[in-house]
Amino acid sequence: MLGLTAQERRVILFLITMALVGLGIEFLVKINSPLKVIVNAYQGLGKINLNSAGKEELKSLGGIGEKLAQRIIDYRAKVEGFKETDELKNIKGISDDKYEKIKDFLVVK
Protein backbone atom coordinates (compact mmCIF):
# COMPACT_ATOMS: atom_id res chain seq x y z
CA MET A 1 0.00 0.00 0.00
CA LEU A 2 1.97 2.95 -1.36
CA GLY A 3 5.14 1.73 0.32
CA LEU A 4 3.94 2.54 3.84
CA THR A 5 5.15 0.63 6.86
CA ALA A 6 2.72 -1.39 8.95
CA GLN A 7 2.82 1.23 11.71
CA GLU A 8 2.07 4.06 9.25
CA ARG A 9 -0.91 2.10 7.88
CA ARG A 10 -2.25 1.59 11.43
CA VAL A 11 -1.93 5.31 12.18
CA ILE A 12 -3.76 6.23 8.96
CA LEU A 13 -6.48 3.66 9.69
CA PHE A 14 -6.85 5.02 13.24
CA LEU A 15 -7.19 8.62 12.00
CA ILE A 16 -9.76 7.64 9.39
CA THR A 17 -11.72 5.68 11.99
CA MET A 18 -11.74 8.60 14.44
CA ALA A 19 -12.88 10.99 11.71
CA LEU A 20 -15.74 8.65 10.77
CA VAL A 21 -16.78 8.24 14.41
CA GLY A 22 -16.81 12.03 14.85
CA LEU A 23 -18.89 12.49 11.71
CA GLY A 24 -21.29 9.79 12.88
CA ILE A 25 -21.80 11.45 16.25
CA GLU A 26 -22.31 14.85 14.63
CA PHE A 27 -24.86 13.35 12.22
CA LEU A 28 -26.79 11.67 15.06
CA VAL A 29 -26.93 14.91 17.04
CA LYS A 30 -28.18 16.84 14.00
CA ILE A 31 -30.94 14.39 13.09
CA ASN A 32 -32.05 13.59 16.61
CA SER A 33 -33.18 16.88 18.11
CA PRO A 34 -34.03 15.51 21.60
CA LEU A 35 -30.47 14.15 21.75
CA LYS A 36 -29.19 17.58 20.72
CA VAL A 37 -31.07 19.21 23.59
CA ILE A 38 -29.71 16.62 26.05
CA VAL A 39 -26.15 17.09 24.80
CA ASN A 40 -26.39 20.88 25.11
CA ALA A 41 -27.92 20.68 28.58
CA TYR A 42 -25.20 18.27 29.67
CA GLN A 43 -22.55 20.72 28.51
CA GLY A 44 -23.80 23.16 31.12
CA LEU A 45 -25.80 25.47 28.90
CA GLY A 46 -28.69 25.40 31.34
CA LYS A 47 -31.80 27.37 30.50
CA ILE A 48 -31.79 29.85 27.67
CA ASN A 49 -33.15 33.33 28.35
CA LEU A 50 -35.48 34.20 25.47
CA ASN A 51 -34.92 37.91 26.03
CA SER A 52 -31.15 37.81 25.60
CA ALA A 53 -30.35 34.66 23.61
CA GLY A 54 -28.47 35.05 20.38
CA LYS A 55 -29.06 33.08 17.23
CA GLU A 56 -26.53 30.37 18.10
CA GLU A 57 -28.04 29.79 21.54
CA LEU A 58 -31.51 29.47 20.04
CA LYS A 59 -30.21 27.09 17.37
CA SER A 60 -28.86 24.84 20.12
CA LEU A 61 -32.47 23.94 20.95
CA GLY A 62 -33.85 20.93 19.13
CA GLY A 63 -35.82 21.85 16.03
CA ILE A 64 -34.69 25.48 15.89
CA GLY A 65 -32.74 26.31 12.76
CA GLU A 66 -31.27 29.48 11.32
CA LYS A 67 -34.54 30.94 10.00
CA LEU A 68 -36.62 30.10 13.04
CA ALA A 69 -33.99 31.54 15.38
CA GLN A 70 -34.10 34.76 13.37
CA ARG A 71 -37.93 34.83 13.58
CA ILE A 72 -37.67 34.51 17.38
CA ILE A 73 -35.22 37.41 17.54
CA ASP A 74 -37.40 39.52 15.22
CA TYR A 75 -40.52 38.76 17.26
CA ARG A 76 -38.68 39.63 20.48
CA ALA A 77 -37.73 43.02 19.05
CA LYS A 78 -41.29 43.63 17.80
CA VAL A 79 -42.95 42.91 21.17
CA GLU A 80 -40.11 44.51 23.16
CA GLY A 81 -39.26 41.29 24.93
CA PHE A 82 -41.03 38.11 25.93
CA LYS A 83 -43.26 38.14 29.01
CA GLU A 84 -43.85 34.36 29.04
CA THR A 85 -42.15 31.46 27.25
CA ASP A 86 -45.43 30.32 25.69
CA GLU A 87 -45.42 33.46 23.51
CA LEU A 88 -43.12 31.42 21.28
CA LYS A 89 -46.24 29.71 19.94
CA ASN A 90 -47.14 33.03 18.26
CA ILE A 91 -44.17 32.57 15.92
CA LYS A 92 -44.64 30.83 12.58
CA GLY A 93 -42.90 27.45 12.73
CA ILE A 94 -43.34 26.81 16.45
CA SER A 95 -46.14 24.32 16.93
CA ASP A 96 -47.53 23.20 20.27
CA ASP A 97 -45.48 19.99 19.93
CA LYS A 98 -42.23 21.83 19.25
CA TYR A 99 -42.90 24.19 22.15
CA GLU A 100 -43.52 21.24 24.49
CA LYS A 101 -40.15 19.73 23.53
CA ILE A 102 -38.15 22.89 24.26
CA LYS A 103 -40.07 24.73 26.99
CA ASP A 104 -38.12 23.14 29.85
CA PHE A 105 -34.91 24.64 28.49
CA LEU A 106 -36.25 28.20 28.35
CA VAL A 107 -36.66 31.05 30.77
CA VAL A 108 -37.84 34.66 30.50
CA LYS A 109 -35.95 37.20 32.59
C-alpha atoms as a PDB file:
ATOM      1  CA  MET A   1       0.000   0.000   0.000  1.00  0.00           C
ATOM      2  CA  LEU A   2       1.970   2.952  -1.361  1.00  0.00           C
ATOM      3  CA  GLY A   3       5.143   1.734   0.316  1.00  0.00           C
ATOM      4  CA  LEU A   4       3.942   2.536   3.840  1.00  0.00           C
ATOM      5  CA  THR A   5       5.145   0.627   6.864  1.00  0.00           C
ATOM      6  CA  ALA A   6       2.715  -1.390   8.953  1.00  0.00           C
ATOM      7  CA  GLN A   7       2.820   1.230  11.713  1.00  0.00           C
ATOM      8  CA  GLU A   8       2.072   4.062   9.250  1.00  0.00           C
ATOM      9  CA  ARG A   9      -0.907   2.103   7.881  1.00  0.00           C
ATOM     10  CA  ARG A  10      -2.247   1.591  11.425  1.00  0.00           C
ATOM     11  CA  VAL A  11      -1.932   5.315  12.181  1.00  0.00           C
ATOM     12  CA  ILE A  12      -3.757   6.231   8.961  1.00  0.00           C
ATOM     13  CA  LEU A  13      -6.476   3.664   9.690  1.00  0.00           C
ATOM     14  CA  PHE A  14      -6.849   5.022  13.244  1.00  0.00           C
ATOM     15  CA  LEU A  15      -7.185   8.616  11.997  1.00  0.00           C
ATOM     16  CA  ILE A  16      -9.759   7.643   9.387  1.00  0.00           C
ATOM     17  CA  THR A  17     -11.723   5.677  11.994  1.00  0.00           C
ATOM     18  CA  MET A  18     -11.743   8.596  14.439  1.00  0.00           C
ATOM     19  CA  ALA A  19     -12.876  10.992  11.708  1.00  0.00           C
ATOM     20  CA  LEU A  20     -15.737   8.649  10.775  1.00  0.00           C
ATOM     21  CA  VAL A  21     -16.778   8.238  14.410  1.00  0.00           C
ATOM     22  CA  GLY A  22     -16.812  12.025  14.845  1.00  0.00           C
ATOM     23  CA  LEU A  23     -18.892  12.487  11.708  1.00  0.00           C
ATOM     24  CA  GLY A  24     -21.289   9.792  12.876  1.00  0.00           C
ATOM     25  CA  ILE A  25     -21.804  11.448  16.252  1.00  0.00           C
ATOM     26  CA  GLU A  26     -22.314  14.852  14.635  1.00  0.00           C
ATOM     27  CA  PHE A  27     -24.865  13.345  12.224  1.00  0.00           C
ATOM     28  CA  LEU A  28     -26.790  11.673  15.059  1.00  0.00           C
ATOM     29  CA  VAL A  29     -26.928  14.909  17.044  1.00  0.00           C
ATOM     30  CA  LYS A  30     -28.185  16.839  14.003  1.00  0.00           C
ATOM     31  CA  ILE A  31     -30.942  14.394  13.085  1.00  0.00           C
ATOM     32  CA  ASN A  32     -32.051  13.590  16.608  1.00  0.00           C
ATOM     33  CA  SER A  33     -33.182  16.875  18.112  1.00  0.00           C
ATOM     34  CA  PRO A  34     -34.030  15.507  21.601  1.00  0.00           C
ATOM     35  CA  LEU A  35     -30.472  14.146  21.754  1.00  0.00           C
ATOM     36  CA  LYS A  36     -29.188  17.583  20.720  1.00  0.00           C
ATOM     37  CA  VAL A  37     -31.069  19.209  23.590  1.00  0.00           C
ATOM     38  CA  ILE A  38     -29.711  16.623  26.050  1.00  0.00           C
ATOM     39  CA  VAL A  39     -26.148  17.090  24.799  1.00  0.00           C
ATOM     40  CA  ASN A  40     -26.389  20.879  25.109  1.00  0.00           C
ATOM     41  CA  ALA A  41     -27.924  20.680  28.583  1.00  0.00           C
ATOM     42  CA  TYR A  42     -25.198  18.267  29.668  1.00  0.00           C
ATOM     43  CA  GLN A  43     -22.552  20.719  28.506  1.00  0.00           C
ATOM     44  CA  GLY A  44     -23.801  23.164  31.116  1.00  0.00           C
ATOM     45  CA  LEU A  45     -25.804  25.468  28.898  1.00  0.00           C
ATOM     46  CA  GLY A  46     -28.689  25.396  31.345  1.00  0.00           C
ATOM     47  CA  LYS A  47     -31.796  27.367  30.503  1.00  0.00           C
ATOM     48  CA  ILE A  48     -31.793  29.848  27.668  1.00  0.00           C
ATOM     49  CA  ASN A  49     -33.155  33.327  28.351  1.00  0.00           C
ATOM     50  CA  LEU A  50     -35.477  34.197  25.468  1.00  0.00           C
ATOM     51  CA  ASN A  51     -34.916  37.908  26.025  1.00  0.00           C
ATOM     52  CA  SER A  52     -31.152  37.812  25.603  1.00  0.00           C
ATOM     53  CA  ALA A  53     -30.354  34.660  23.614  1.00  0.00           C
ATOM     54  CA  GLY A  54     -28.470  35.053  20.384  1.00  0.00           C
ATOM     55  CA  LYS A  55     -29.061  33.084  17.231  1.00  0.00           C
ATOM     56  CA  GLU A  56     -26.528  30.373  18.098  1.00  0.00           C
ATOM     57  CA  GLU A  57     -28.037  29.788  21.540  1.00  0.00           C
ATOM     58  CA  LEU A  58     -31.508  29.473  20.040  1.00  0.00           C
ATOM     59  CA  LYS A  59     -30.215  27.091  17.372  1.00  0.00           C
ATOM     60  CA  SER A  60     -28.862  24.836  20.118  1.00  0.00           C
ATOM     61  CA  LEU A  61     -32.466  23.936  20.952  1.00  0.00           C
ATOM     62  CA  GLY A  62     -33.855  20.933  19.134  1.00  0.00           C
ATOM     63  CA  GLY A  63     -35.816  21.846  16.026  1.00  0.00           C
ATOM     64  CA  ILE A  64     -34.690  25.476  15.886  1.00  0.00           C
ATOM     65  CA  GLY A  65     -32.740  26.309  12.759  1.00  0.00           C
ATOM     66  CA  GLU A  66     -31.267  29.483  11.323  1.00  0.00           C
ATOM     67  CA  LYS A  67     -34.542  30.943   9.996  1.00  0.00           C
ATOM     68  CA  LEU A  68     -36.620  30.104  13.042  1.00  0.00           C
ATOM     69  CA  ALA A  69     -33.987  31.538  15.380  1.00  0.00           C
ATOM     70  CA  GLN A  70     -34.099  34.765  13.372  1.00  0.00           C
ATOM     71  CA  ARG A  71     -37.930  34.828  13.581  1.00  0.00           C
ATOM     72  CA  ILE A  72     -37.673  34.513  17.378  1.00  0.00           C
ATOM     73  CA  ILE A  73     -35.225  37.407  17.535  1.00  0.00           C
ATOM     74  CA  ASP A  74     -37.399  39.522  15.222  1.00  0.00           C
ATOM     75  CA  TYR A  75     -40.521  38.765  17.263  1.00  0.00           C
ATOM     76  CA  ARG A  76     -38.682  39.633  20.478  1.00  0.00           C
ATOM     77  CA  ALA A  77     -37.734  43.025  19.049  1.00  0.00           C
ATOM     78  CA  LYS A  78     -41.288  43.634  17.796  1.00  0.00           C
ATOM     79  CA  VAL A  79     -42.948  42.915  21.167  1.00  0.00           C
ATOM     80  CA  GLU A  80     -40.105  44.514  23.155  1.00  0.00           C
ATOM     81  CA  GLY A  81     -39.262  41.286  24.932  1.00  0.00           C
ATOM     82  CA  PHE A  82     -41.035  38.110  25.935  1.00  0.00           C
ATOM     83  CA  LYS A  83     -43.263  38.144  29.014  1.00  0.00           C
ATOM     84  CA  GLU A  84     -43.845  34.360  29.039  1.00  0.00           C
ATOM     85  CA  THR A  85     -42.153  31.464  27.246  1.00  0.00           C
ATOM     86  CA  ASP A  86     -45.428  30.324  25.693  1.00  0.00           C
ATOM     87  CA  GLU A  87     -45.415  33.460  23.514  1.00  0.00           C
ATOM     88  CA  LEU A  88     -43.120  31.417  21.279  1.00  0.00           C
ATOM     89  CA  LYS A  89     -46.244  29.711  19.935  1.00  0.00           C
ATOM     90  CA  ASN A  90     -47.136  33.034  18.256  1.00  0.00           C
ATOM     91  CA  ILE A  91     -44.170  32.575  15.916  1.00  0.00           C
ATOM     92  CA  LYS A  92     -44.642  30.829  12.583  1.00  0.00           C
ATOM     93  CA  GLY A  93     -42.904  27.450  12.730  1.00  0.00           C
ATOM     94  CA  ILE A  94     -43.338  26.811  16.451  1.00  0.00           C
ATOM     95  CA  SER A  95     -46.136  24.324  16.933  1.00  0.00           C
ATOM     96  CA  ASP A  96     -47.529  23.196  20.273  1.00  0.00           C
ATOM     97  CA  ASP A  97     -45.476  19.993  19.929  1.00  0.00           C
ATOM     98  CA  LYS A  98     -42.230  21.834  19.247  1.00  0.00           C
ATOM     99  CA  TYR A  99     -42.901  24.190  22.145  1.00  0.00           C
ATOM    100  CA  GLU A 100     -43.523  21.245  24.491  1.00  0.00           C
ATOM    101  CA  LYS A 101     -40.153  19.734  23.526  1.00  0.00           C
ATOM    102  CA  ILE A 102     -38.147  22.891  24.259  1.00  0.00           C
ATOM    103  CA  LYS A 103     -40.072  24.733  26.986  1.00  0.00           C
ATOM    104  CA  ASP A 104     -38.121  23.139  29.850  1.00  0.00           C
ATOM    105  CA  PHE A 105     -34.913  24.635  28.485  1.00  0.00           C
ATOM    106  CA  LEU A 106     -36.246  28.197  28.348  1.00  0.00           C
ATOM    107  CA  VAL A 107     -36.660  31.050  30.774  1.00  0.00           C
ATOM    108  CA  VAL A 108     -37.843  34.665  30.498  1.00  0.00           C
ATOM    109  CA  LYS A 109     -35.945  37.197  32.587  1.00  0.00           C
END
